[in-house]
Amino acid sequence: MFTLPITEVKGITCIARPDVDQDNYAYFPIIVKENYPLSRDELFEKFKENNIFARKYFYPIMSDLDIYANFRSDVQKAKQLSESVLCLPMYPTLSLDQCELIVDIMKGN
């Protein structure tokens, strides 16, 4: 639904989706790269201002939780992804107009 228009947005990468006949509408994750004009959190807020409820997935990473304080290790890649992944809303009744609005917001329109 989103994949083709999102590929036009510099600094946003779609996470590869499996080739399936029917989607389960669980989530549509994107990665907000450093060359995107907004941080993941700023884009999250921009969506929220427009009543689009994206989600911060994989955040915080498990190693940041107090219970794992004694098991810290070098998880820089996981940390980086936890701060850059955003899941776009996705559900069976999501309209084309709503998809276009989401992409327009990412494009800065």
N, C-alpha and C. Protein backbone atom coordinates (compact mmCIF):
# COMPACT_ATOMS: atom_id res chain seq x y z
N MET A 1 0.82 -1.19 0.00
CA MET A 1 0.00 0.00 0.00
C MET A 1 0.87 1.26 0.00
N PHE A 2 1.83 1.32 0.92
CA PHE A 2 2.69 2.50 1.03
C PHE A 2 3.98 2.38 0.24
N THR A 3 4.44 1.18 0.00
CA THR A 3 5.82 0.94 -0.40
C THR A 3 6.29 1.82 -1.55
N LEU A 4 5.59 1.87 -2.65
CA LEU A 4 6.07 2.64 -3.80
C LEU A 4 6.20 4.13 -3.50
N PRO A 5 5.18 4.81 -2.96
CA PRO A 5 5.36 6.24 -2.66
C PRO A 5 6.45 6.51 -1.63
N ILE A 6 6.63 5.62 -0.68
CA ILE A 6 7.64 5.84 0.36
C ILE A 6 9.04 5.78 -0.22
N THR A 7 9.24 4.99 -1.26
CA THR A 7 10.57 4.91 -1.86
C THR A 7 11.00 6.25 -2.45
N GLU A 8 10.06 7.15 -2.65
CA GLU A 8 10.37 8.49 -3.17
C GLU A 8 10.82 9.45 -2.07
N VAL A 9 10.69 9.06 -0.81
CA VAL A 9 11.01 9.94 0.31
C VAL A 9 12.45 9.69 0.73
N LYS A 10 13.31 10.68 0.48
CA LYS A 10 14.72 10.54 0.84
C LYS A 10 14.87 10.49 2.35
N GLY A 11 15.60 9.48 2.82
CA GLY A 11 15.85 9.34 4.24
C GLY A 11 14.91 8.40 4.96
N ILE A 12 13.95 7.83 4.22
CA ILE A 12 13.02 6.85 4.78
C ILE A 12 13.23 5.54 4.03
N THR A 13 13.39 4.46 4.78
CA THR A 13 13.57 3.14 4.18
C THR A 13 12.48 2.21 4.69
N CYS A 14 11.89 1.46 3.78
CA CYS A 14 10.91 0.45 4.17
C CYS A 14 11.66 -0.82 4.54
N ILE A 15 11.23 -1.46 5.59
CA ILE A 15 11.79 -2.76 5.96
C ILE A 15 11.14 -3.78 5.04
N ALA A 16 11.95 -4.67 4.49
CA ALA A 16 11.46 -5.66 3.52
C ALA A 16 10.27 -6.42 4.09
N ARG A 17 9.26 -6.54 3.26
CA ARG A 17 8.05 -7.24 3.66
C ARG A 17 7.99 -8.58 2.94
N PRO A 18 7.49 -9.60 3.61
CA PRO A 18 7.40 -10.91 2.95
C PRO A 18 6.38 -10.86 1.81
N ASP A 19 6.63 -11.65 0.81
CA ASP A 19 5.73 -11.74 -0.33
C ASP A 19 4.63 -12.75 0.02
N VAL A 20 3.50 -12.23 0.46
CA VAL A 20 2.39 -13.10 0.87
C VAL A 20 1.13 -12.70 0.11
N ASP A 21 0.21 -13.64 0.02
CA ASP A 21 -1.05 -13.37 -0.68
C ASP A 21 -1.95 -12.42 0.09
N GLN A 22 -1.93 -12.54 1.42
CA GLN A 22 -2.80 -11.70 2.24
C GLN A 22 -2.01 -11.18 3.43
N ASP A 23 -2.09 -9.89 3.66
CA ASP A 23 -1.38 -9.28 4.77
C ASP A 23 -2.14 -9.49 6.07
N ASN A 24 -1.41 -9.55 7.18
CA ASN A 24 -2.09 -9.68 8.48
C ASN A 24 -2.32 -8.31 9.13
N TYR A 25 -1.89 -7.25 8.46
CA TYR A 25 -2.09 -5.87 8.93
C TYR A 25 -1.53 -5.63 10.32
N ALA A 26 -0.46 -6.30 10.66
CA ALA A 26 0.13 -6.15 11.99
C ALA A 26 0.80 -4.78 12.13
N TYR A 27 1.72 -4.47 11.26
CA TYR A 27 2.38 -3.17 11.30
C TYR A 27 3.19 -2.97 10.03
N PHE A 28 3.53 -1.72 9.74
CA PHE A 28 4.31 -1.37 8.55
C PHE A 28 5.52 -0.56 9.03
N PRO A 29 6.63 -1.25 9.32
CA PRO A 29 7.80 -0.55 9.87
C PRO A 29 8.61 0.18 8.80
N ILE A 30 9.08 1.36 9.18
CA ILE A 30 10.01 2.12 8.35
C ILE A 30 11.22 2.48 9.22
N ILE A 31 12.32 2.80 8.56
CA ILE A 31 13.51 3.28 9.26
C ILE A 31 13.71 4.74 8.87
N VAL A 32 13.79 5.61 9.86
CA VAL A 32 14.05 7.03 9.63
C VAL A 32 15.57 7.21 9.71
N LYS A 33 16.18 7.46 8.56
CA LYS A 33 17.64 7.57 8.47
C LYS A 33 18.13 8.95 8.90
N GLU A 34 19.43 9.05 9.10
CA GLU A 34 20.04 10.32 9.53
C GLU A 34 19.88 11.43 8.49
N ASN A 35 19.76 11.06 7.21
CA ASN A 35 19.64 12.08 6.17
C ASN A 35 18.19 12.55 5.96
N TYR A 36 17.26 12.06 6.76
CA TYR A 36 15.89 12.56 6.73
C TYR A 36 15.87 13.86 7.55
N PRO A 37 15.11 14.87 7.12
CA PRO A 37 15.14 16.17 7.82
C PRO A 37 14.66 16.14 9.27
N LEU A 38 13.88 15.15 9.66
CA LEU A 38 13.37 15.05 11.02
C LEU A 38 13.91 13.79 11.69
N SER A 39 13.99 13.83 13.01
CA SER A 39 14.32 12.61 13.74
C SER A 39 13.09 11.71 13.75
N ARG A 40 13.27 10.47 14.15
CA ARG A 40 12.14 9.55 14.28
C ARG A 40 11.10 10.14 15.23
N ASP A 41 11.55 10.70 16.35
CA ASP A 41 10.63 11.25 17.34
C ASP A 41 9.89 12.48 16.81
N GLU A 42 10.57 13.31 16.03
CA GLU A 42 9.93 14.48 15.43
C GLU A 42 8.87 14.06 14.41
N LEU A 43 9.18 13.04 13.61
CA LEU A 43 8.20 12.54 12.65
C LEU A 43 7.01 11.92 13.38
N PHE A 44 7.28 11.20 14.44
CA PHE A 44 6.23 10.63 15.29
C PHE A 44 5.28 11.74 15.76
N GLU A 45 5.84 12.84 16.25
CA GLU A 45 5.03 13.97 16.73
C GLU A 45 4.24 14.62 15.60
N LYS A 46 4.86 14.73 14.43
CA LYS A 46 4.19 15.31 13.26
C LYS A 46 2.97 14.47 12.89
N PHE A 47 3.14 13.15 12.91
CA PHE A 47 2.00 12.27 12.65
C PHE A 47 0.92 12.48 13.71
N LYS A 48 1.33 12.53 14.97
CA LYS A 48 0.39 12.68 16.09
C LYS A 48 -0.43 13.97 15.95
N GLU A 49 0.23 15.05 15.52
CA GLU A 49 -0.46 16.33 15.31
C GLU A 49 -1.56 16.21 14.26
N ASN A 50 -1.40 15.23 13.35
CA ASN A 50 -2.36 15.02 12.27
C ASN A 50 -3.27 13.81 12.54
N ASN A 51 -3.35 13.40 13.81
CA ASN A 51 -4.18 12.26 14.21
C ASN A 51 -3.82 10.97 13.49
N ILE A 52 -2.55 10.80 13.23
CA ILE A 52 -2.04 9.55 12.68
C ILE A 52 -1.21 8.91 13.78
N PHE A 53 -1.61 7.73 14.17
CA PHE A 53 -1.02 7.12 15.35
C PHE A 53 -0.02 6.03 14.98
N ALA A 54 1.20 6.49 14.68
CA ALA A 54 2.32 5.59 14.43
C ALA A 54 2.80 5.07 15.78
N ARG A 55 3.70 4.08 15.74
CA ARG A 55 4.21 3.51 17.00
C ARG A 55 5.72 3.40 16.93
N LYS A 56 6.34 3.61 18.07
CA LYS A 56 7.78 3.42 18.19
C LYS A 56 7.99 1.96 18.59
N TYR A 57 8.48 1.17 17.65
CA TYR A 57 8.70 -0.25 17.94
C TYR A 57 10.16 -0.48 18.29
N PHE A 58 10.39 -1.56 18.99
CA PHE A 58 11.73 -1.98 19.38
C PHE A 58 12.39 -0.92 20.26
N TYR A 59 11.56 -0.19 21.01
CA TYR A 59 12.04 0.89 21.87
C TYR A 59 11.34 0.81 23.21
N PRO A 60 12.04 0.84 24.29
CA PRO A 60 13.50 0.78 24.38
C PRO A 60 13.99 -0.65 24.15
N ILE A 61 15.26 -0.77 23.85
CA ILE A 61 15.79 -2.12 23.68
C ILE A 61 15.93 -2.76 25.05
N MET A 62 15.87 -4.06 25.07
CA MET A 62 15.89 -4.80 26.34
C MET A 62 17.10 -4.47 27.19
N SER A 63 18.25 -4.28 26.55
CA SER A 63 19.47 -4.04 27.32
C SER A 63 19.44 -2.72 28.08
N ASP A 64 18.51 -1.82 27.75
CA ASP A 64 18.38 -0.55 28.46
C ASP A 64 17.52 -0.66 29.72
N LEU A 65 16.84 -1.76 29.88
CA LEU A 65 15.99 -1.94 31.05
C LEU A 65 16.83 -2.26 32.29
N ASP A 66 16.43 -1.73 33.42
CA ASP A 66 17.18 -1.92 34.67
C ASP A 66 17.43 -3.38 35.00
N ILE A 67 16.48 -4.23 34.70
CA ILE A 67 16.63 -5.64 35.03
C ILE A 67 17.84 -6.28 34.35
N TYR A 68 18.27 -5.70 33.23
CA TYR A 68 19.42 -6.24 32.49
C TYR A 68 20.69 -5.41 32.69
N ALA A 69 20.71 -4.55 33.68
CA ALA A 69 21.86 -3.65 33.91
C ALA A 69 23.17 -4.40 34.06
N ASN A 70 23.15 -5.59 34.62
CA ASN A 70 24.38 -6.36 34.82
C ASN A 70 24.80 -7.15 33.58
N PHE A 71 24.01 -7.07 32.52
CA PHE A 71 24.29 -7.85 31.32
C PHE A 71 24.53 -6.95 30.11
N ARG A 72 24.95 -5.75 30.34
CA ARG A 72 25.17 -4.80 29.24
C ARG A 72 26.27 -5.33 28.31
N SER A 73 26.06 -5.09 27.04
CA SER A 73 27.07 -5.45 26.04
C SER A 73 26.98 -4.44 24.90
N ASP A 74 27.84 -4.60 23.93
CA ASP A 74 27.86 -3.68 22.80
C ASP A 74 26.71 -4.03 21.85
N VAL A 75 25.67 -3.26 21.93
CA VAL A 75 24.50 -3.48 21.08
C VAL A 75 24.19 -2.20 20.30
N GLN A 76 25.23 -1.59 19.78
CA GLN A 76 25.10 -0.30 19.11
C GLN A 76 24.11 -0.34 17.95
N LYS A 77 24.15 -1.40 17.14
CA LYS A 77 23.23 -1.50 16.00
C LYS A 77 21.78 -1.59 16.49
N ALA A 78 21.56 -2.41 17.51
CA ALA A 78 20.21 -2.53 18.08
C ALA A 78 19.75 -1.19 18.66
N LYS A 79 20.64 -0.49 19.33
CA LYS A 79 20.32 0.82 19.91
C LYS A 79 19.94 1.80 18.80
N GLN A 80 20.74 1.81 17.73
CA GLN A 80 20.49 2.70 16.60
C GLN A 80 19.11 2.41 15.98
N LEU A 81 18.82 1.14 15.77
CA LEU A 81 17.53 0.78 15.19
C LEU A 81 16.38 1.12 16.13
N SER A 82 16.58 0.92 17.42
CA SER A 82 15.51 1.22 18.38
C SER A 82 15.15 2.70 18.37
N GLU A 83 16.08 3.53 17.94
CA GLU A 83 15.84 4.98 17.91
C GLU A 83 15.42 5.48 16.53
N SER A 84 15.33 4.56 15.54
CA SER A 84 15.00 5.01 14.20
C SER A 84 13.81 4.28 13.56
N VAL A 85 13.31 3.20 14.17
CA VAL A 85 12.18 2.47 13.60
C VAL A 85 10.87 3.10 14.05
N LEU A 86 9.99 3.26 13.09
CA LEU A 86 8.65 3.77 13.35
C LEU A 86 7.69 2.88 12.57
N CYS A 87 6.63 2.45 13.21
CA CYS A 87 5.63 1.62 12.53
C CYS A 87 4.43 2.48 12.16
N LEU A 88 4.15 2.49 10.88
CA LEU A 88 3.02 3.26 10.38
C LEU A 88 1.73 2.50 10.65
N PRO A 89 0.62 3.23 10.79
CA PRO A 89 -0.65 2.53 11.00
C PRO A 89 -0.99 1.70 9.77
N MET A 90 -1.54 0.54 10.02
CA MET A 90 -1.92 -0.34 8.92
C MET A 90 -3.06 -1.22 9.41
N TYR A 91 -4.16 -1.16 8.70
CA TYR A 91 -5.33 -1.96 9.07
C TYR A 91 -6.20 -2.08 7.83
N PRO A 92 -7.09 -3.07 7.79
CA PRO A 92 -7.85 -3.35 6.56
C PRO A 92 -8.67 -2.18 6.04
N THR A 93 -9.15 -1.30 6.91
CA THR A 93 -10.00 -0.19 6.46
C THR A 93 -9.23 1.11 6.23
N LEU A 94 -7.91 1.05 6.26
CA LEU A 94 -7.10 2.25 6.00
C LEU A 94 -7.34 2.67 4.55
N SER A 95 -7.82 3.89 4.37
CA SER A 95 -8.19 4.34 3.02
C SER A 95 -6.97 4.83 2.24
N LEU A 96 -7.14 4.91 0.94
CA LEU A 96 -6.08 5.43 0.08
C LEU A 96 -5.79 6.89 0.44
N ASP A 97 -6.83 7.66 0.76
CA ASP A 97 -6.63 9.05 1.18
C ASP A 97 -5.76 9.14 2.43
N GLN A 98 -5.99 8.24 3.38
CA GLN A 98 -5.19 8.22 4.60
C GLN A 98 -3.74 7.85 4.29
N CYS A 99 -3.56 6.90 3.39
CA CYS A 99 -2.20 6.52 2.98
C CYS A 99 -1.49 7.70 2.33
N GLU A 100 -2.21 8.41 1.47
CA GLU A 100 -1.62 9.57 0.80
C GLU A 100 -1.25 10.66 1.81
N LEU A 101 -2.08 10.87 2.81
CA LEU A 101 -1.78 11.85 3.85
C LEU A 101 -0.51 11.46 4.60
N ILE A 102 -0.37 10.20 4.94
CA ILE A 102 0.82 9.72 5.65
C ILE A 102 2.07 9.98 4.82
N VAL A 103 2.01 9.65 3.54
CA VAL A 103 3.16 9.86 2.65
C VAL A 103 3.42 11.36 2.48
N ASP A 104 2.36 12.16 2.32
CA ASP A 104 2.53 13.61 2.18
C ASP A 104 3.22 14.20 3.41
N ILE A 105 2.86 13.74 4.59
CA ILE A 105 3.51 14.23 5.81
C ILE A 105 4.99 13.87 5.79
N MET A 106 5.31 12.64 5.36
CA MET A 106 6.72 12.24 5.28
C MET A 106 7.48 13.07 4.26
N LYS A 107 6.78 13.48 3.20
CA LYS A 107 7.42 14.31 2.16
C LYS A 107 7.53 15.77 2.59
N GLY A 108 6.91 16.11 3.72
CA GLY A 108 6.98 17.49 4.20
C GLY A 108 5.92 18.39 3.62
N ASN A 109 4.89 17.81 3.01
CA ASN A 109 3.80 18.60 2.41
C ASN A 109 2.75 18.96 3.44
